[in-house]
Amino acid sequence: MNVLFLALDGSRRPAVIAEAEHALAHGDSVTLLVGGAAKWRKVPLPQGADLVELSQLERGHRPAVVRLLLTSAPLFLLRVCLPGPLRRLSKRLRSAYVRRIERPVDRRLARLYRRDPARVRERVIVRDLLQGRSIGLVIVGDPGSMVVASELRDAILGSGARLAYTSTQERPLAGHVEG
């Protein structure tokens, strides 16, 4: 089974890693979705676990129409119109096009299609993780991921995945006395 751990806050890293190791030991494949990789650099990840940054997924999000009109169609025309010995000229034109037209237009359009961050987050998680990796179980690993999990609940259940919460306790519950 493919397991996705939501650890956006990074506050319970040891517990998430312990559960990821447990899932890997049972033959599951593990993906950790984190808010930023900086908090996870010093913590050794279990062998075989993938680390995915949510900020990079959101940064790479563009609607299909924008990708088609800004990237695919112009680059296709360059490949078709300048083949063979004109390849060097094609590369120069491509880099100039990307630098002078594609990036500035994309930056301006990004204000429109990234206007609703919750919807962008839902789209990229569903497209790249839930459907792209065929996730069967989503585990919420820390308190910062609870909001995102509640926003994505319908999308998670709609993709056929189950939603669960970590069970490893780093410290005893308040009021619980071991004795």
N, C-alpha and C. Protein backbone atom coordinates (compact mmCIF):
# COMPACT_ATOMS: atom_id res chain seq x y z
N MET A 1 0.84 -1.16 0.00
CA MET A 1 0.00 0.00 0.00
C MET A 1 0.90 1.24 0.00
N ASN A 2 0.44 2.29 -0.66
CA ASN A 2 1.16 3.56 -0.67
C ASN A 2 0.60 4.44 0.44
N VAL A 3 1.50 4.94 1.30
CA VAL A 3 1.11 5.72 2.46
C VAL A 3 1.66 7.13 2.32
N LEU A 4 0.81 8.13 2.57
CA LEU A 4 1.21 9.53 2.54
C LEU A 4 1.10 10.08 3.95
N PHE A 5 2.22 10.63 4.45
CA PHE A 5 2.23 11.27 5.76
C PHE A 5 2.18 12.78 5.55
N LEU A 6 1.20 13.43 6.16
CA LEU A 6 1.12 14.89 6.14
C LEU A 6 1.88 15.39 7.36
N ALA A 7 3.01 15.99 7.16
CA ALA A 7 3.83 16.53 8.25
C ALA A 7 4.24 17.95 7.89
N LEU A 8 3.25 18.80 7.67
CA LEU A 8 3.51 20.14 7.18
C LEU A 8 4.15 21.04 8.23
N ASP A 9 3.79 20.84 9.48
CA ASP A 9 4.32 21.66 10.56
C ASP A 9 5.73 21.22 10.95
N GLY A 10 5.99 19.94 10.94
CA GLY A 10 7.30 19.41 11.31
C GLY A 10 7.53 19.37 12.80
N SER A 11 6.47 19.49 13.60
CA SER A 11 6.65 19.53 15.05
C SER A 11 6.77 18.14 15.67
N ARG A 12 6.31 17.10 14.99
CA ARG A 12 6.40 15.74 15.53
C ARG A 12 7.25 14.86 14.62
N ARG A 13 8.41 15.35 14.27
CA ARG A 13 9.29 14.61 13.35
C ARG A 13 9.64 13.21 13.84
N PRO A 14 10.05 13.02 15.12
CA PRO A 14 10.41 11.67 15.55
C PRO A 14 9.23 10.68 15.46
N ALA A 15 8.04 11.14 15.80
CA ALA A 15 6.87 10.25 15.73
C ALA A 15 6.54 9.89 14.28
N VAL A 16 6.62 10.86 13.39
CA VAL A 16 6.33 10.60 11.98
C VAL A 16 7.36 9.64 11.39
N ILE A 17 8.62 9.84 11.74
CA ILE A 17 9.67 8.95 11.23
C ILE A 17 9.51 7.54 11.78
N ALA A 18 9.12 7.43 13.06
CA ALA A 18 8.91 6.10 13.64
C ALA A 18 7.78 5.38 12.92
N GLU A 19 6.70 6.07 12.64
CA GLU A 19 5.59 5.42 11.93
C GLU A 19 5.94 5.14 10.48
N ALA A 20 6.74 5.99 9.87
CA ALA A 20 7.18 5.73 8.50
C ALA A 20 8.06 4.49 8.44
N GLU A 21 8.94 4.33 9.42
CA GLU A 21 9.78 3.13 9.48
C GLU A 21 8.92 1.89 9.69
N HIS A 22 7.90 2.01 10.51
CA HIS A 22 6.99 0.88 10.75
C HIS A 22 6.26 0.49 9.46
N ALA A 23 5.80 1.50 8.70
CA ALA A 23 5.10 1.22 7.44
C ALA A 23 6.06 0.61 6.42
N LEU A 24 7.28 1.11 6.37
CA LEU A 24 8.27 0.55 5.44
C LEU A 24 8.63 -0.88 5.81
N ALA A 25 8.66 -1.17 7.11
CA ALA A 25 8.98 -2.53 7.55
C ALA A 25 7.89 -3.52 7.15
N HIS A 26 6.66 -3.04 6.99
CA HIS A 26 5.55 -3.91 6.58
C HIS A 26 5.38 -3.95 5.07
N GLY A 27 6.33 -3.37 4.32
CA GLY A 27 6.31 -3.46 2.86
C GLY A 27 5.55 -2.35 2.16
N ASP A 28 5.16 -1.33 2.87
CA ASP A 28 4.45 -0.21 2.24
C ASP A 28 5.45 0.78 1.67
N SER A 29 5.01 1.56 0.68
CA SER A 29 5.85 2.66 0.21
C SER A 29 5.38 3.93 0.90
N VAL A 30 6.33 4.79 1.28
CA VAL A 30 6.03 5.94 2.13
C VAL A 30 6.44 7.23 1.42
N THR A 31 5.55 8.21 1.47
CA THR A 31 5.82 9.56 0.99
C THR A 31 5.52 10.53 2.12
N LEU A 32 6.46 11.42 2.40
CA LEU A 32 6.28 12.44 3.43
C LEU A 32 6.02 13.77 2.74
N LEU A 33 4.87 14.38 3.01
CA LEU A 33 4.56 15.70 2.49
C LEU A 33 4.86 16.71 3.59
N VAL A 34 5.83 17.58 3.35
CA VAL A 34 6.27 18.54 4.35
C VAL A 34 6.07 19.95 3.82
N GLY A 35 5.96 20.90 4.76
CA GLY A 35 5.82 22.30 4.38
C GLY A 35 7.11 22.85 3.80
N GLY A 36 8.22 22.57 4.46
CA GLY A 36 9.54 23.00 4.00
C GLY A 36 10.56 21.96 4.39
N ALA A 37 11.51 21.72 3.53
CA ALA A 37 12.50 20.67 3.77
C ALA A 37 13.58 21.09 4.77
N ALA A 38 13.64 22.37 5.12
CA ALA A 38 14.69 22.85 6.02
C ALA A 38 14.63 22.19 7.39
N LYS A 39 13.43 21.96 7.91
CA LYS A 39 13.30 21.33 9.22
C LYS A 39 13.68 19.85 9.20
N TRP A 40 13.65 19.26 8.03
CA TRP A 40 13.89 17.82 7.90
C TRP A 40 15.30 17.49 7.47
N ARG A 41 16.15 18.47 7.24
CA ARG A 41 17.51 18.21 6.74
C ARG A 41 18.37 17.46 7.75
N LYS A 42 18.26 17.80 9.02
CA LYS A 42 19.11 17.18 10.04
C LYS A 42 18.57 15.84 10.52
N VAL A 43 17.32 15.55 10.21
CA VAL A 43 16.70 14.30 10.64
C VAL A 43 16.89 13.27 9.53
N PRO A 44 17.52 12.14 9.84
CA PRO A 44 17.68 11.12 8.79
C PRO A 44 16.34 10.45 8.46
N LEU A 45 16.01 10.47 7.20
CA LEU A 45 14.77 9.83 6.75
C LEU A 45 14.99 8.33 6.63
N PRO A 46 13.94 7.56 6.83
CA PRO A 46 14.06 6.11 6.64
C PRO A 46 14.42 5.78 5.19
N GLN A 47 15.17 4.73 5.01
CA GLN A 47 15.58 4.30 3.68
C GLN A 47 14.33 3.91 2.88
N GLY A 48 14.14 4.55 1.73
CA GLY A 48 13.01 4.24 0.87
C GLY A 48 11.86 5.21 0.99
N ALA A 49 11.92 6.17 1.89
CA ALA A 49 10.86 7.17 2.04
C ALA A 49 11.15 8.35 1.12
N ASP A 50 10.10 8.87 0.47
CA ASP A 50 10.23 10.03 -0.40
C ASP A 50 9.79 11.28 0.36
N LEU A 51 10.52 12.36 0.19
CA LEU A 51 10.20 13.64 0.81
C LEU A 51 9.72 14.60 -0.28
N VAL A 52 8.51 15.13 -0.12
CA VAL A 52 7.92 16.04 -1.10
C VAL A 52 7.59 17.34 -0.39
N GLU A 53 8.01 18.46 -0.97
CA GLU A 53 7.73 19.77 -0.40
C GLU A 53 6.46 20.33 -1.01
N LEU A 54 5.53 20.75 -0.15
CA LEU A 54 4.27 21.32 -0.63
C LEU A 54 4.51 22.63 -1.36
N SER A 55 5.45 23.44 -0.89
CA SER A 55 5.71 24.73 -1.53
C SER A 55 6.19 24.55 -2.97
N GLN A 56 6.99 23.53 -3.23
CA GLN A 56 7.44 23.29 -4.61
C GLN A 56 6.31 22.79 -5.49
N LEU A 57 5.42 21.97 -4.93
CA LEU A 57 4.26 21.52 -5.70
C LEU A 57 3.37 22.70 -6.07
N GLU A 58 3.14 23.59 -5.11
CA GLU A 58 2.29 24.75 -5.38
C GLU A 58 2.95 25.70 -6.37
N ARG A 59 4.25 25.85 -6.29
CA ARG A 59 4.97 26.75 -7.20
C ARG A 59 4.88 26.24 -8.64
N GLY A 60 4.87 24.95 -8.81
CA GLY A 60 4.83 24.39 -10.15
C GLY A 60 3.43 24.25 -10.73
N HIS A 61 2.43 24.69 -9.99
CA HIS A 61 1.05 24.55 -10.45
C HIS A 61 0.70 25.59 -11.50
N ARG A 62 0.26 25.12 -12.65
CA ARG A 62 -0.29 25.98 -13.69
C ARG A 62 -1.42 25.23 -14.36
N PRO A 63 -2.53 25.90 -14.63
CA PRO A 63 -3.63 25.24 -15.35
C PRO A 63 -3.17 24.73 -16.71
N ALA A 64 -3.86 23.73 -17.22
CA ALA A 64 -3.49 23.11 -18.48
C ALA A 64 -3.53 24.10 -19.64
N VAL A 65 -4.48 25.00 -19.65
CA VAL A 65 -4.59 25.98 -20.74
C VAL A 65 -3.36 26.89 -20.75
N VAL A 66 -2.91 27.31 -19.58
CA VAL A 66 -1.73 28.17 -19.51
C VAL A 66 -0.50 27.42 -19.97
N ARG A 67 -0.35 26.15 -19.53
CA ARG A 67 0.80 25.35 -19.97
C ARG A 67 0.78 25.17 -21.48
N LEU A 68 -0.40 24.94 -22.06
CA LEU A 68 -0.51 24.73 -23.49
C LEU A 68 -0.15 25.99 -24.27
N LEU A 69 -0.74 27.13 -23.88
CA LEU A 69 -0.54 28.36 -24.64
C LEU A 69 0.83 29.00 -24.40
N LEU A 70 1.34 28.89 -23.19
CA LEU A 70 2.61 29.56 -22.90
C LEU A 70 3.84 28.70 -23.16
N THR A 71 3.72 27.40 -22.95
CA THR A 71 4.91 26.55 -23.04
C THR A 71 4.87 25.58 -24.21
N SER A 72 3.88 24.72 -24.23
CA SER A 72 3.87 23.62 -25.20
C SER A 72 3.78 24.08 -26.64
N ALA A 73 2.82 24.94 -26.96
CA ALA A 73 2.62 25.35 -28.36
C ALA A 73 3.83 26.12 -28.91
N PRO A 74 4.34 27.15 -28.21
CA PRO A 74 5.51 27.86 -28.77
C PRO A 74 6.75 26.97 -28.93
N LEU A 75 6.98 26.09 -27.96
CA LEU A 75 8.16 25.23 -28.08
C LEU A 75 7.98 24.19 -29.18
N PHE A 76 6.76 23.74 -29.40
CA PHE A 76 6.48 22.83 -30.50
C PHE A 76 6.76 23.52 -31.83
N LEU A 77 6.31 24.77 -31.94
CA LEU A 77 6.56 25.52 -33.18
C LEU A 77 8.06 25.71 -33.42
N LEU A 78 8.81 25.97 -32.38
CA LEU A 78 10.27 26.11 -32.55
C LEU A 78 10.89 24.80 -33.02
N ARG A 79 10.45 23.68 -32.46
CA ARG A 79 11.01 22.38 -32.88
C ARG A 79 10.67 22.08 -34.33
N VAL A 80 9.46 22.40 -34.75
CA VAL A 80 9.02 22.07 -36.11
C VAL A 80 9.64 23.03 -37.12
N CYS A 81 9.68 24.31 -36.79
CA CYS A 81 10.14 25.31 -37.77
C CYS A 81 11.67 25.40 -37.88
N LEU A 82 12.38 25.02 -36.83
CA LEU A 82 13.84 25.13 -36.85
C LEU A 82 14.48 23.78 -36.53
N PRO A 83 14.37 22.79 -37.45
CA PRO A 83 14.96 21.48 -37.17
C PRO A 83 16.41 21.41 -37.63
N GLY A 84 17.01 20.28 -37.33
CA GLY A 84 18.34 19.94 -37.84
C GLY A 84 19.43 20.95 -37.54
N PRO A 85 20.07 21.50 -38.60
CA PRO A 85 21.22 22.37 -38.40
C PRO A 85 20.85 23.70 -37.72
N LEU A 86 19.59 24.03 -37.67
CA LEU A 86 19.16 25.27 -37.04
C LEU A 86 18.85 25.06 -35.54
N ARG A 87 19.24 23.93 -35.02
CA ARG A 87 18.93 23.60 -33.61
C ARG A 87 19.57 24.60 -32.65
N ARG A 88 20.78 25.07 -32.95
CA ARG A 88 21.46 26.03 -32.08
C ARG A 88 20.67 27.34 -32.00
N LEU A 89 20.18 27.80 -33.14
CA LEU A 89 19.35 29.00 -33.18
C LEU A 89 18.05 28.76 -32.42
N SER A 90 17.50 27.57 -32.55
CA SER A 90 16.27 27.21 -31.84
C SER A 90 16.46 27.29 -30.32
N LYS A 91 17.61 26.81 -29.83
CA LYS A 91 17.89 26.87 -28.40
C LYS A 91 18.00 28.30 -27.91
N ARG A 92 18.65 29.15 -28.71
CA ARG A 92 18.77 30.55 -28.32
C ARG A 92 17.42 31.25 -28.31
N LEU A 93 16.60 30.97 -29.31
CA LEU A 93 15.26 31.55 -29.35
C LEU A 93 14.40 31.04 -28.20
N ARG A 94 14.56 29.78 -27.86
CA ARG A 94 13.79 29.21 -26.75
C ARG A 94 14.15 29.90 -25.43
N SER A 95 15.44 30.06 -25.15
CA SER A 95 15.84 30.70 -23.90
C SER A 95 15.39 32.16 -23.87
N ALA A 96 15.45 32.85 -25.01
CA ALA A 96 14.97 34.23 -25.05
C ALA A 96 13.46 34.29 -24.84
N TYR A 97 12.74 33.36 -25.45
CA TYR A 97 11.29 33.31 -25.26
C TYR A 97 10.92 33.07 -23.80
N VAL A 98 11.58 32.12 -23.17
CA VAL A 98 11.29 31.82 -21.77
C VAL A 98 11.61 33.03 -20.89
N ARG A 99 12.73 33.66 -21.12
CA ARG A 99 13.17 34.78 -20.29
C ARG A 99 12.31 36.03 -20.50
N ARG A 100 11.96 36.35 -21.75
CA ARG A 100 11.31 37.62 -22.04
C ARG A 100 9.79 37.54 -22.11
N ILE A 101 9.25 36.38 -22.41
CA ILE A 101 7.79 36.30 -22.59
C ILE A 101 7.14 35.35 -21.58
N GLU A 102 7.59 34.10 -21.54
CA GLU A 102 6.90 33.10 -20.72
C GLU A 102 6.92 33.44 -19.24
N ARG A 103 8.07 33.70 -18.66
CA ARG A 103 8.15 33.99 -17.22
C ARG A 103 7.38 35.25 -16.81
N PRO A 104 7.55 36.40 -17.52
CA PRO A 104 6.76 37.58 -17.12
C PRO A 104 5.24 37.38 -17.24
N VAL A 105 4.80 36.74 -18.31
CA VAL A 105 3.36 36.52 -18.48
C VAL A 105 2.87 35.54 -17.42
N ASP A 106 3.65 34.52 -17.14
CA ASP A 106 3.25 33.55 -16.12
C ASP A 106 3.17 34.21 -14.74
N ARG A 107 4.11 35.09 -14.43
CA ARG A 107 4.05 35.80 -13.14
C ARG A 107 2.79 36.63 -13.02
N ARG A 108 2.40 37.29 -14.09
CA ARG A 108 1.18 38.10 -14.05
C ARG A 108 -0.07 37.24 -13.97
N LEU A 109 -0.09 36.14 -14.70
CA LEU A 109 -1.25 35.25 -14.66
C LEU A 109 -1.34 34.49 -13.34
N ALA A 110 -0.21 34.31 -12.68
CA ALA A 110 -0.21 33.56 -11.41
C ALA A 110 -1.08 34.24 -10.38
N ARG A 111 -1.21 35.54 -10.45
CA ARG A 111 -2.10 36.24 -9.52
C ARG A 111 -3.54 35.76 -9.69
N LEU A 112 -3.92 35.39 -10.90
CA LEU A 112 -5.28 34.94 -11.13
C LEU A 112 -5.50 33.49 -10.72
N TYR A 113 -4.63 32.59 -11.18
CA TYR A 113 -4.89 31.18 -10.92
C TYR A 113 -4.32 30.68 -9.61
N ARG A 114 -3.60 31.50 -8.87
CA ARG A 114 -3.18 31.14 -7.52
C ARG A 114 -3.87 32.01 -6.47
N ARG A 115 -4.99 32.57 -6.85
CA ARG A 115 -5.72 33.48 -5.98
C ARG A 115 -6.28 32.76 -4.76
N ASP A 116 -6.72 31.53 -4.92
CA ASP A 116 -7.28 30.75 -3.82
C ASP A 116 -6.27 29.67 -3.42
N PRO A 117 -5.45 29.91 -2.39
CA PRO A 117 -4.40 28.95 -2.04
C PRO A 117 -4.92 27.59 -1.62
N ALA A 118 -6.08 27.53 -0.97
CA ALA A 118 -6.63 26.24 -0.54
C ALA A 118 -6.99 25.39 -1.75
N ARG A 119 -7.55 26.01 -2.78
CA ARG A 119 -7.92 25.25 -3.97
C ARG A 119 -6.69 24.78 -4.75
N VAL A 120 -5.66 25.64 -4.81
CA VAL A 120 -4.41 25.24 -5.47
C VAL A 120 -3.79 24.08 -4.72
N ARG A 121 -3.76 24.16 -3.39
CA ARG A 121 -3.20 23.08 -2.56
C ARG A 121 -3.95 21.78 -2.82
N GLU A 122 -5.28 21.86 -2.87
CA GLU A 122 -6.08 20.66 -3.13
C GLU A 122 -5.77 20.07 -4.50
N ARG A 123 -5.69 20.92 -5.51
CA ARG A 123 -5.42 20.43 -6.87
C ARG A 123 -4.06 19.74 -6.98
N VAL A 124 -3.01 20.37 -6.43
CA VAL A 124 -1.69 19.77 -6.57
C VAL A 124 -1.56 18.49 -5.75
N ILE A 125 -2.17 18.44 -4.58
CA ILE A 125 -2.08 17.22 -3.77
C ILE A 125 -2.85 16.09 -4.44
N VAL A 126 -4.03 16.39 -4.95
CA VAL A 126 -4.81 15.34 -5.62
C VAL A 126 -4.10 14.88 -6.88
N ARG A 127 -3.64 15.84 -7.72
CA ARG A 127 -3.03 15.47 -9.00
C ARG A 127 -1.69 14.77 -8.84
N ASP A 128 -0.81 15.34 -8.03
CA ASP A 128 0.56 14.83 -7.95
C ASP A 128 0.73 13.69 -6.96
N LEU A 129 -0.04 13.68 -5.89
CA LEU A 129 0.17 12.67 -4.86
C LEU A 129 -0.91 11.61 -4.83
N LEU A 130 -2.15 12.01 -4.64
CA LEU A 130 -3.21 11.02 -4.48
C LEU A 130 -3.42 10.20 -5.75
N GLN A 131 -3.51 10.87 -6.89
CA GLN A 131 -3.72 10.13 -8.14
C GLN A 131 -2.40 9.73 -8.78
N GLY A 132 -1.40 10.59 -8.71
CA GLY A 132 -0.11 10.32 -9.34
C GLY A 132 0.63 9.16 -8.72
N ARG A 133 0.50 8.99 -7.41
CA ARG A 133 1.20 7.90 -6.71
C ARG A 133 0.23 6.84 -6.20
N SER A 134 -1.03 6.98 -6.51
CA SER A 134 -2.11 6.08 -6.08
C SER A 134 -2.00 5.76 -4.59
N ILE A 135 -2.17 6.79 -3.78
CA ILE A 135 -2.09 6.69 -2.33
C ILE A 135 -3.31 5.95 -1.79
N GLY A 136 -3.08 5.02 -0.86
CA GLY A 136 -4.17 4.27 -0.25
C GLY A 136 -4.48 4.71 1.16
N LEU A 137 -3.53 5.36 1.83
CA LEU A 137 -3.72 5.77 3.21
C LEU A 137 -3.02 7.11 3.42
N VAL A 138 -3.74 8.07 4.00
CA VAL A 138 -3.17 9.38 4.33
C VAL A 138 -3.15 9.49 5.84
N ILE A 139 -1.97 9.72 6.40
CA ILE A 139 -1.81 9.81 7.86
C ILE A 139 -1.42 11.24 8.22
N VAL A 140 -2.20 11.85 9.09
CA VAL A 140 -1.91 13.20 9.57
C VAL A 140 -0.90 13.06 10.69
N GLY A 141 0.26 13.70 10.54
CA GLY A 141 1.35 13.48 11.46
C GLY A 141 1.56 14.54 12.52
N ASP A 142 1.01 15.73 12.34
CA ASP A 142 1.23 16.79 13.34
C ASP A 142 0.05 17.75 13.34
N PRO A 143 -0.04 18.58 14.38
CA PRO A 143 -1.18 19.49 14.49
C PRO A 143 -1.30 20.49 13.34
N GLY A 144 -0.20 20.91 12.76
CA GLY A 144 -0.24 21.85 11.65
C GLY A 144 -0.86 21.27 10.39
N SER A 145 -0.92 19.96 10.29
CA SER A 145 -1.49 19.31 9.12
C SER A 145 -2.98 19.03 9.27
N MET A 146 -3.51 19.26 10.45
CA MET A 146 -4.93 18.98 10.68
C MET A 146 -5.83 19.86 9.82
N VAL A 147 -5.47 21.13 9.67
CA VAL A 147 -6.29 22.04 8.87
C VAL A 147 -6.29 21.61 7.41
N VAL A 148 -5.12 21.28 6.89
CA VAL A 148 -5.01 20.84 5.50
C VAL A 148 -5.77 19.53 5.31
N ALA A 149 -5.68 18.61 6.27
CA ALA A 149 -6.40 17.34 6.17
C ALA A 149 -7.91 17.56 6.18
N SER A 150 -8.38 18.51 6.99
CA SER A 150 -9.82 18.77 7.00
C SER A 150 -10.27 19.42 5.70
N GLU A 151 -9.43 20.28 5.11
CA GLU A 151 -9.76 20.87 3.81
C GLU A 151 -9.78 19.83 2.70
N LEU A 152 -8.90 18.84 2.81
CA LEU A 152 -8.76 17.82 1.76
C LEU A 152 -9.58 16.56 2.02
N ARG A 153 -10.35 16.54 3.09
CA ARG A 153 -11.06 15.32 3.49
C ARG A 153 -11.89 14.74 2.34
N ASP A 154 -12.69 15.56 1.68
CA ASP A 154 -13.54 15.06 0.60
C ASP A 154 -12.70 14.56 -0.58
N ALA A 155 -11.62 15.27 -0.89
CA ALA A 155 -10.76 14.85 -2.00
C ALA A 155 -10.04 13.54 -1.67
N ILE A 156 -9.61 13.40 -0.42
CA ILE A 156 -8.92 12.18 0.00
C ILE A 156 -9.86 10.99 -0.08
N LEU A 157 -11.04 11.14 0.49
CA LEU A 157 -12.00 10.05 0.47
C LEU A 157 -12.52 9.78 -0.93
N GLY A 158 -12.62 10.83 -1.76
CA GLY A 158 -13.07 10.66 -3.14
C GLY A 158 -12.07 9.91 -4.00
N SER A 159 -10.79 9.98 -3.65
CA SER A 159 -9.77 9.27 -4.42
C SER A 159 -9.64 7.81 -4.00
N GLY A 160 -10.38 7.42 -2.96
CA GLY A 160 -10.33 6.03 -2.50
C GLY A 160 -9.35 5.79 -1.37
N ALA A 161 -8.70 6.83 -0.90
CA ALA A 161 -7.74 6.69 0.20
C ALA A 161 -8.47 6.82 1.54
N ARG A 162 -7.88 6.24 2.56
CA ARG A 162 -8.42 6.39 3.92
C ARG A 162 -7.64 7.47 4.63
N LEU A 163 -8.25 8.07 5.64
CA LEU A 163 -7.63 9.13 6.41
C LEU A 163 -7.43 8.63 7.83
N ALA A 164 -6.20 8.79 8.35
CA ALA A 164 -5.90 8.32 9.70
C ALA A 164 -5.01 9.35 10.39
N TYR A 165 -4.80 9.15 11.68
CA TYR A 165 -3.97 10.04 12.48
C TYR A 165 -2.89 9.22 13.15
N THR A 166 -1.75 9.85 13.43
CA THR A 166 -0.65 9.12 14.06
C THR A 166 -1.05 8.67 15.45
N SER A 167 -0.51 7.53 15.85
CA SER A 167 -0.86 6.99 17.17
C SER A 167 0.33 7.03 18.11
N THR A 168 1.52 7.30 17.62
CA THR A 168 2.70 7.32 18.46
C THR A 168 2.67 8.54 19.35
N GLN A 169 2.85 8.35 20.64
CA GLN A 169 2.88 9.46 21.59
C GLN A 169 4.32 9.78 21.93
N GLU A 170 4.73 11.02 21.74
CA GLU A 170 6.08 11.43 22.11
C GLU A 170 6.20 11.60 23.62
N ARG A 171 5.12 12.02 24.25
CA ARG A 171 5.11 12.23 25.69
C ARG A 171 3.75 11.82 26.21
N PRO A 172 3.63 11.52 27.50
CA PRO A 172 2.33 11.12 28.05
C PRO A 172 1.31 12.25 27.91
N LEU A 173 0.06 11.87 27.80
CA LEU A 173 -1.00 12.86 27.73
C LEU A 173 -1.08 13.66 29.01
N ALA A 174 -1.61 14.87 28.95
CA ALA A 174 -1.74 15.71 30.12
C ALA A 174 -2.63 15.03 31.15
N GLY A 175 -2.19 15.00 32.40
CA GLY A 175 -2.96 14.38 33.46
C GLY A 175 -2.71 12.90 33.62
N HIS A 176 -1.95 12.31 32.67
CA HIS A 176 -1.68 10.88 32.74
C HIS A 176 -0.39 10.66 33.53
N VAL A 177 -0.48 9.88 34.58
CA VAL A 177 0.67 9.63 35.44
C VAL A 177 1.06 8.18 35.28
N GLU A 178 2.30 7.97 34.89
CA GLU A 178 2.77 6.60 34.77
C GLU A 178 3.27 6.14 36.13
N GLY A 179 2.96 4.93 36.45
CA GLY A 179 3.41 4.59 37.77
C GLY A 179 3.54 3.21 38.06
